[in-house]
Amino acid sequence: MLIKIKNLKVQTLIGINDWEREEKQDVIINAEIEFDGSRICVTDDINDTANYRTITKRIISTVEASSFFSLEKLAYTILQTILEDKKVLKAKVEVDKPYALRFADSVSVQCESDQKH
């Protein structure tokens, strides 16, 4: 099964410019979280699934506390946060930084991995 977290908006310090080191900016996070959903489909017990509420709270906490220069490091850190949940088999993360370029809506970085990494 696949859980999708769509357009999670969180503020963080991100970037290399002086003003980016002083003012938090919005980043938009999209994540795909693959897990074995066969058990919860039978039991309907929340303990038998990857709890997207818990995962989302961890993502928010991690991002709000971070202060990275690159989107790449932020995306990788979010991915590792998701993979801390042992029920997660694979995950993919995309982080958008709105208005990072003058003539673009946003710039984004995407990364993915599984529990083996």
N, C-alpha and C. Protein backbone atom coordinates (compact mmCIF):
# COMPACT_ATOMS: atom_id res chain seq x y z
N MET A 1 0.84 -1.18 0.00
CA MET A 1 0.00 0.00 0.00
C MET A 1 0.88 1.23 0.00
N LEU A 2 0.25 2.34 -0.36
CA LEU A 2 0.97 3.59 -0.50
C LEU A 2 0.21 4.70 0.22
N ILE A 3 0.90 5.38 1.13
CA ILE A 3 0.39 6.58 1.76
C ILE A 3 1.02 7.76 1.02
N LYS A 4 0.21 8.77 0.70
CA LYS A 4 0.74 9.97 0.08
C LYS A 4 0.43 11.16 0.98
N ILE A 5 1.47 11.89 1.31
CA ILE A 5 1.32 13.16 2.02
C ILE A 5 1.52 14.24 0.96
N LYS A 6 0.51 15.08 0.78
CA LYS A 6 0.54 16.04 -0.32
C LYS A 6 0.57 17.47 0.19
N ASN A 7 1.53 18.22 -0.33
CA ASN A 7 1.61 19.66 -0.12
C ASN A 7 1.64 20.08 1.35
N LEU A 8 2.47 19.40 2.12
CA LEU A 8 2.68 19.76 3.52
C LEU A 8 3.57 21.01 3.56
N LYS A 9 3.04 22.11 4.07
CA LYS A 9 3.78 23.37 4.08
C LYS A 9 4.38 23.57 5.48
N VAL A 10 5.70 23.74 5.51
CA VAL A 10 6.43 23.92 6.76
C VAL A 10 7.43 25.06 6.56
N GLN A 11 7.72 25.80 7.62
CA GLN A 11 8.70 26.87 7.53
C GLN A 11 10.02 26.44 8.14
N THR A 12 11.10 26.85 7.47
CA THR A 12 12.45 26.51 7.93
C THR A 12 13.45 27.51 7.39
N LEU A 13 14.64 27.50 7.97
CA LEU A 13 15.76 28.25 7.39
C LEU A 13 16.37 27.38 6.30
N ILE A 14 16.42 27.90 5.08
CA ILE A 14 16.97 27.13 3.97
C ILE A 14 17.56 28.09 2.95
N GLY A 15 18.77 27.83 2.53
CA GLY A 15 19.39 28.65 1.49
C GLY A 15 20.76 29.16 1.88
N ILE A 16 21.38 29.83 0.92
CA ILE A 16 22.76 30.29 1.12
C ILE A 16 22.89 31.79 1.28
N ASN A 17 21.87 32.54 0.90
CA ASN A 17 21.93 33.99 1.02
C ASN A 17 21.76 34.43 2.47
N ASP A 18 22.34 35.59 2.79
CA ASP A 18 22.27 36.09 4.17
C ASP A 18 20.84 36.18 4.68
N TRP A 19 19.94 36.74 3.88
CA TRP A 19 18.56 36.89 4.34
C TRP A 19 17.87 35.53 4.54
N GLU A 20 18.31 34.51 3.79
CA GLU A 20 17.74 33.18 3.95
C GLU A 20 18.19 32.53 5.26
N ARG A 21 19.28 33.01 5.81
CA ARG A 21 19.80 32.49 7.07
C ARG A 21 19.13 33.18 8.27
N GLU A 22 18.36 34.25 7.99
CA GLU A 22 17.71 35.02 9.05
C GLU A 22 16.20 34.82 9.10
N GLU A 23 15.58 34.60 7.96
CA GLU A 23 14.12 34.50 7.88
C GLU A 23 13.70 33.11 7.42
N LYS A 24 12.77 32.52 8.17
CA LYS A 24 12.25 31.22 7.74
C LYS A 24 11.43 31.37 6.48
N GLN A 25 11.49 30.34 5.65
CA GLN A 25 10.75 30.32 4.39
C GLN A 25 9.87 29.08 4.36
N ASP A 26 8.85 29.15 3.53
CA ASP A 26 8.01 27.97 3.31
C ASP A 26 8.75 26.97 2.42
N VAL A 27 8.62 25.71 2.76
CA VAL A 27 8.95 24.62 1.85
C VAL A 27 7.70 23.75 1.77
N ILE A 28 7.52 23.13 0.64
CA ILE A 28 6.35 22.27 0.44
C ILE A 28 6.85 20.85 0.24
N ILE A 29 6.32 19.95 1.06
CA ILE A 29 6.80 18.57 1.09
C ILE A 29 5.71 17.64 0.58
N ASN A 30 6.12 16.77 -0.34
CA ASN A 30 5.27 15.68 -0.81
C ASN A 30 6.02 14.39 -0.56
N ALA A 31 5.31 13.41 -0.03
CA ALA A 31 5.96 12.13 0.28
C ALA A 31 5.06 10.98 -0.13
N GLU A 32 5.71 9.92 -0.61
CA GLU A 32 5.05 8.65 -0.87
C GLU A 32 5.68 7.62 0.04
N ILE A 33 4.85 6.92 0.80
CA ILE A 33 5.34 5.99 1.81
C ILE A 33 4.73 4.62 1.54
N GLU A 34 5.59 3.68 1.17
CA GLU A 34 5.11 2.32 0.87
C GLU A 34 5.25 1.45 2.11
N PHE A 35 4.20 0.67 2.38
CA PHE A 35 4.19 -0.23 3.53
C PHE A 35 3.33 -1.44 3.22
N ASP A 36 3.46 -2.46 4.02
CA ASP A 36 2.64 -3.66 3.88
C ASP A 36 1.31 -3.41 4.58
N GLY A 37 0.27 -3.23 3.81
CA GLY A 37 -1.05 -2.93 4.37
C GLY A 37 -1.95 -4.13 4.53
N SER A 38 -1.42 -5.33 4.29
CA SER A 38 -2.28 -6.52 4.33
C SER A 38 -2.87 -6.77 5.72
N ARG A 39 -2.12 -6.51 6.76
CA ARG A 39 -2.61 -6.79 8.12
C ARG A 39 -3.71 -5.82 8.55
N ILE A 40 -3.52 -4.52 8.32
CA ILE A 40 -4.53 -3.56 8.75
C ILE A 40 -5.84 -3.73 7.98
N CYS A 41 -5.76 -4.23 6.75
CA CYS A 41 -6.98 -4.47 5.98
C CYS A 41 -7.85 -5.55 6.63
N VAL A 42 -7.24 -6.42 7.40
CA VAL A 42 -7.97 -7.46 8.12
C VAL A 42 -8.37 -6.99 9.52
N THR A 43 -7.41 -6.40 10.24
CA THR A 43 -7.62 -6.07 11.65
C THR A 43 -8.26 -4.70 11.88
N ASP A 44 -8.05 -3.76 10.98
CA ASP A 44 -8.48 -2.37 11.15
C ASP A 44 -7.89 -1.76 12.42
N ASP A 45 -6.72 -2.25 12.82
CA ASP A 45 -6.02 -1.79 14.01
C ASP A 45 -4.90 -0.84 13.60
N ILE A 46 -4.93 0.38 14.11
CA ILE A 46 -3.95 1.41 13.74
C ILE A 46 -2.52 0.98 14.01
N ASN A 47 -2.32 0.06 14.93
CA ASN A 47 -0.98 -0.44 15.24
C ASN A 47 -0.42 -1.32 14.12
N ASP A 48 -1.26 -1.70 13.17
CA ASP A 48 -0.83 -2.55 12.06
C ASP A 48 -0.53 -1.77 10.78
N THR A 49 -0.31 -0.48 10.92
CA THR A 49 -0.02 0.34 9.74
C THR A 49 1.09 1.34 10.04
N ALA A 50 1.59 1.95 9.00
CA ALA A 50 2.51 3.09 9.15
C ALA A 50 1.61 4.30 9.43
N ASN A 51 1.69 4.83 10.62
CA ASN A 51 0.79 5.89 11.06
C ASN A 51 1.19 7.23 10.43
N TYR A 52 0.41 7.69 9.47
CA TYR A 52 0.79 8.90 8.74
C TYR A 52 0.72 10.15 9.61
N ARG A 53 -0.10 10.15 10.63
CA ARG A 53 -0.14 11.30 11.54
C ARG A 53 1.17 11.41 12.32
N THR A 54 1.63 10.30 12.85
CA THR A 54 2.89 10.28 13.60
C THR A 54 4.06 10.65 12.70
N ILE A 55 4.10 10.09 11.50
CA ILE A 55 5.17 10.39 10.55
C ILE A 55 5.16 11.87 10.19
N THR A 56 3.99 12.43 9.94
CA THR A 56 3.87 13.85 9.58
C THR A 56 4.35 14.74 10.72
N LYS A 57 3.99 14.42 11.94
CA LYS A 57 4.46 15.21 13.09
C LYS A 57 5.98 15.19 13.19
N ARG A 58 6.58 14.03 12.93
CA ARG A 58 8.05 13.93 12.96
C ARG A 58 8.68 14.76 11.84
N ILE A 59 8.07 14.73 10.66
CA ILE A 59 8.57 15.54 9.54
C ILE A 59 8.53 17.02 9.91
N ILE A 60 7.40 17.49 10.41
CA ILE A 60 7.25 18.90 10.77
C ILE A 60 8.28 19.29 11.82
N SER A 61 8.43 18.50 12.84
CA SER A 61 9.39 18.79 13.91
C SER A 61 10.81 18.86 13.37
N THR A 62 11.17 17.90 12.52
CA THR A 62 12.51 17.86 11.93
C THR A 62 12.77 19.08 11.06
N VAL A 63 11.82 19.43 10.21
CA VAL A 63 12.01 20.54 9.27
C VAL A 63 12.05 21.87 10.01
N GLU A 64 11.14 22.08 10.95
CA GLU A 64 11.12 23.34 11.69
C GLU A 64 12.41 23.57 12.48
N ALA A 65 13.04 22.51 12.93
CA ALA A 65 14.28 22.62 13.72
C ALA A 65 15.53 22.69 12.84
N SER A 66 15.38 22.47 11.54
CA SER A 66 16.56 22.39 10.67
C SER A 66 17.00 23.78 10.20
N SER A 67 18.22 23.80 9.68
CA SER A 67 18.80 25.04 9.16
C SER A 67 19.84 24.67 8.10
N PHE A 68 19.38 24.11 6.98
CA PHE A 68 20.28 23.62 5.95
C PHE A 68 20.52 24.68 4.88
N PHE A 69 21.64 24.53 4.20
CA PHE A 69 21.94 25.39 3.06
C PHE A 69 21.27 24.85 1.79
N SER A 70 21.13 23.52 1.68
CA SER A 70 20.65 22.93 0.42
C SER A 70 19.32 22.18 0.60
N LEU A 71 18.53 22.22 -0.46
CA LEU A 71 17.31 21.42 -0.52
C LEU A 71 17.65 19.93 -0.51
N GLU A 72 18.79 19.59 -1.11
CA GLU A 72 19.20 18.18 -1.16
C GLU A 72 19.34 17.60 0.24
N LYS A 73 20.01 18.31 1.13
CA LYS A 73 20.21 17.84 2.50
C LYS A 73 18.87 17.79 3.25
N LEU A 74 18.03 18.78 3.03
CA LEU A 74 16.71 18.78 3.68
C LEU A 74 15.88 17.59 3.22
N ALA A 75 15.84 17.34 1.91
CA ALA A 75 15.06 16.21 1.38
C ALA A 75 15.58 14.89 1.93
N TYR A 76 16.90 14.73 1.97
CA TYR A 76 17.50 13.50 2.49
C TYR A 76 17.16 13.32 3.98
N THR A 77 17.19 14.39 4.74
CA THR A 77 16.88 14.32 6.16
C THR A 77 15.42 13.94 6.38
N ILE A 78 14.52 14.48 5.59
CA ILE A 78 13.10 14.11 5.68
C ILE A 78 12.93 12.63 5.34
N LEU A 79 13.60 12.18 4.29
CA LEU A 79 13.53 10.78 3.90
C LEU A 79 13.98 9.87 5.05
N GLN A 80 15.08 10.21 5.68
CA GLN A 80 15.58 9.40 6.81
C GLN A 80 14.60 9.42 7.97
N THR A 81 13.94 10.54 8.19
CA THR A 81 12.93 10.65 9.25
C THR A 81 11.78 9.69 8.97
N ILE A 82 11.34 9.61 7.74
CA ILE A 82 10.25 8.70 7.36
C ILE A 82 10.69 7.24 7.55
N LEU A 83 11.90 6.93 7.13
CA LEU A 83 12.40 5.56 7.19
C LEU A 83 12.67 5.08 8.62
N GLU A 84 12.63 5.97 9.60
CA GLU A 84 12.76 5.56 11.00
C GLU A 84 11.61 4.66 11.42
N ASP A 85 10.46 4.80 10.76
CA ASP A 85 9.31 3.94 11.06
C ASP A 85 9.57 2.58 10.42
N LYS A 86 9.70 1.56 11.22
CA LYS A 86 10.07 0.22 10.73
C LYS A 86 8.99 -0.42 9.86
N LYS A 87 7.79 0.12 9.87
CA LYS A 87 6.74 -0.42 9.00
C LYS A 87 6.87 0.09 7.57
N VAL A 88 7.66 1.13 7.39
CA VAL A 88 7.86 1.71 6.07
C VAL A 88 8.84 0.84 5.28
N LEU A 89 8.42 0.44 4.09
CA LEU A 89 9.27 -0.37 3.21
C LEU A 89 10.10 0.49 2.27
N LYS A 90 9.47 1.52 1.73
CA LYS A 90 10.12 2.44 0.79
C LYS A 90 9.50 3.82 0.99
N ALA A 91 10.26 4.83 0.60
CA ALA A 91 9.71 6.18 0.66
C ALA A 91 10.34 7.03 -0.44
N LYS A 92 9.56 8.01 -0.87
CA LYS A 92 10.03 9.00 -1.83
C LYS A 92 9.60 10.37 -1.30
N VAL A 93 10.50 11.32 -1.36
CA VAL A 93 10.23 12.67 -0.86
C VAL A 93 10.57 13.68 -1.94
N GLU A 94 9.71 14.68 -2.08
CA GLU A 94 9.99 15.83 -2.93
C GLU A 94 9.80 17.08 -2.09
N VAL A 95 10.79 17.95 -2.10
CA VAL A 95 10.73 19.21 -1.36
C VAL A 95 10.81 20.36 -2.36
N ASP A 96 9.80 21.21 -2.31
CA ASP A 96 9.76 22.40 -3.16
C ASP A 96 10.10 23.63 -2.35
N LYS A 97 10.86 24.51 -2.96
CA LYS A 97 11.15 25.82 -2.38
C LYS A 97 10.51 26.87 -3.30
N PRO A 98 9.33 27.36 -2.90
CA PRO A 98 8.62 28.31 -3.76
C PRO A 98 9.44 29.58 -4.01
N TYR A 99 9.37 30.07 -5.24
CA TYR A 99 9.95 31.34 -5.65
C TYR A 99 11.48 31.40 -5.47
N ALA A 100 12.12 30.25 -5.51
CA ALA A 100 13.58 30.22 -5.41
C ALA A 100 14.24 30.81 -6.66
N LEU A 101 13.54 30.74 -7.77
CA LEU A 101 14.02 31.32 -9.02
C LEU A 101 13.04 32.39 -9.49
N ARG A 102 13.57 33.42 -10.07
CA ARG A 102 12.76 34.58 -10.45
C ARG A 102 11.59 34.24 -11.37
N PHE A 103 11.77 33.39 -12.34
CA PHE A 103 10.72 33.12 -13.32
C PHE A 103 10.10 31.73 -13.18
N ALA A 104 10.22 31.14 -11.99
CA ALA A 104 9.66 29.80 -11.77
C ALA A 104 8.81 29.81 -10.49
N ASP A 105 7.80 28.97 -10.48
CA ASP A 105 6.96 28.83 -9.28
C ASP A 105 7.75 28.27 -8.11
N SER A 106 8.64 27.33 -8.41
CA SER A 106 9.45 26.72 -7.35
C SER A 106 10.59 25.93 -7.95
N VAL A 107 11.48 25.51 -7.07
CA VAL A 107 12.53 24.55 -7.39
C VAL A 107 12.32 23.39 -6.45
N SER A 108 12.52 22.17 -6.93
CA SER A 108 12.32 21.03 -6.04
C SER A 108 13.46 20.02 -6.18
N VAL A 109 13.59 19.25 -5.12
CA VAL A 109 14.55 18.14 -5.09
C VAL A 109 13.76 16.91 -4.67
N GLN A 110 14.08 15.79 -5.29
CA GLN A 110 13.39 14.54 -4.99
C GLN A 110 14.42 13.47 -4.66
N CYS A 111 14.13 12.66 -3.65
CA CYS A 111 14.98 11.52 -3.34
C CYS A 111 14.12 10.37 -2.83
N GLU A 112 14.65 9.16 -2.95
CA GLU A 112 13.92 7.99 -2.51
C GLU A 112 14.87 6.90 -2.05
N SER A 113 14.34 6.02 -1.23
CA SER A 113 15.14 4.94 -0.70
C SER A 113 14.22 3.90 -0.08
N ASP A 114 14.81 2.84 0.42
CA ASP A 114 14.05 1.84 1.16
C ASP A 114 14.75 1.55 2.48
N GLN A 115 14.18 0.69 3.30
CA GLN A 115 14.70 0.42 4.65
C GLN A 115 16.10 -0.18 4.65
N LYS A 116 16.55 -0.72 3.54
CA LYS A 116 17.86 -1.35 3.47
C LYS A 116 18.99 -0.31 3.51
N HIS A 117 18.67 0.95 3.25
CA HIS A 117 19.70 1.99 3.14
C HIS A 117 19.71 2.87 4.35
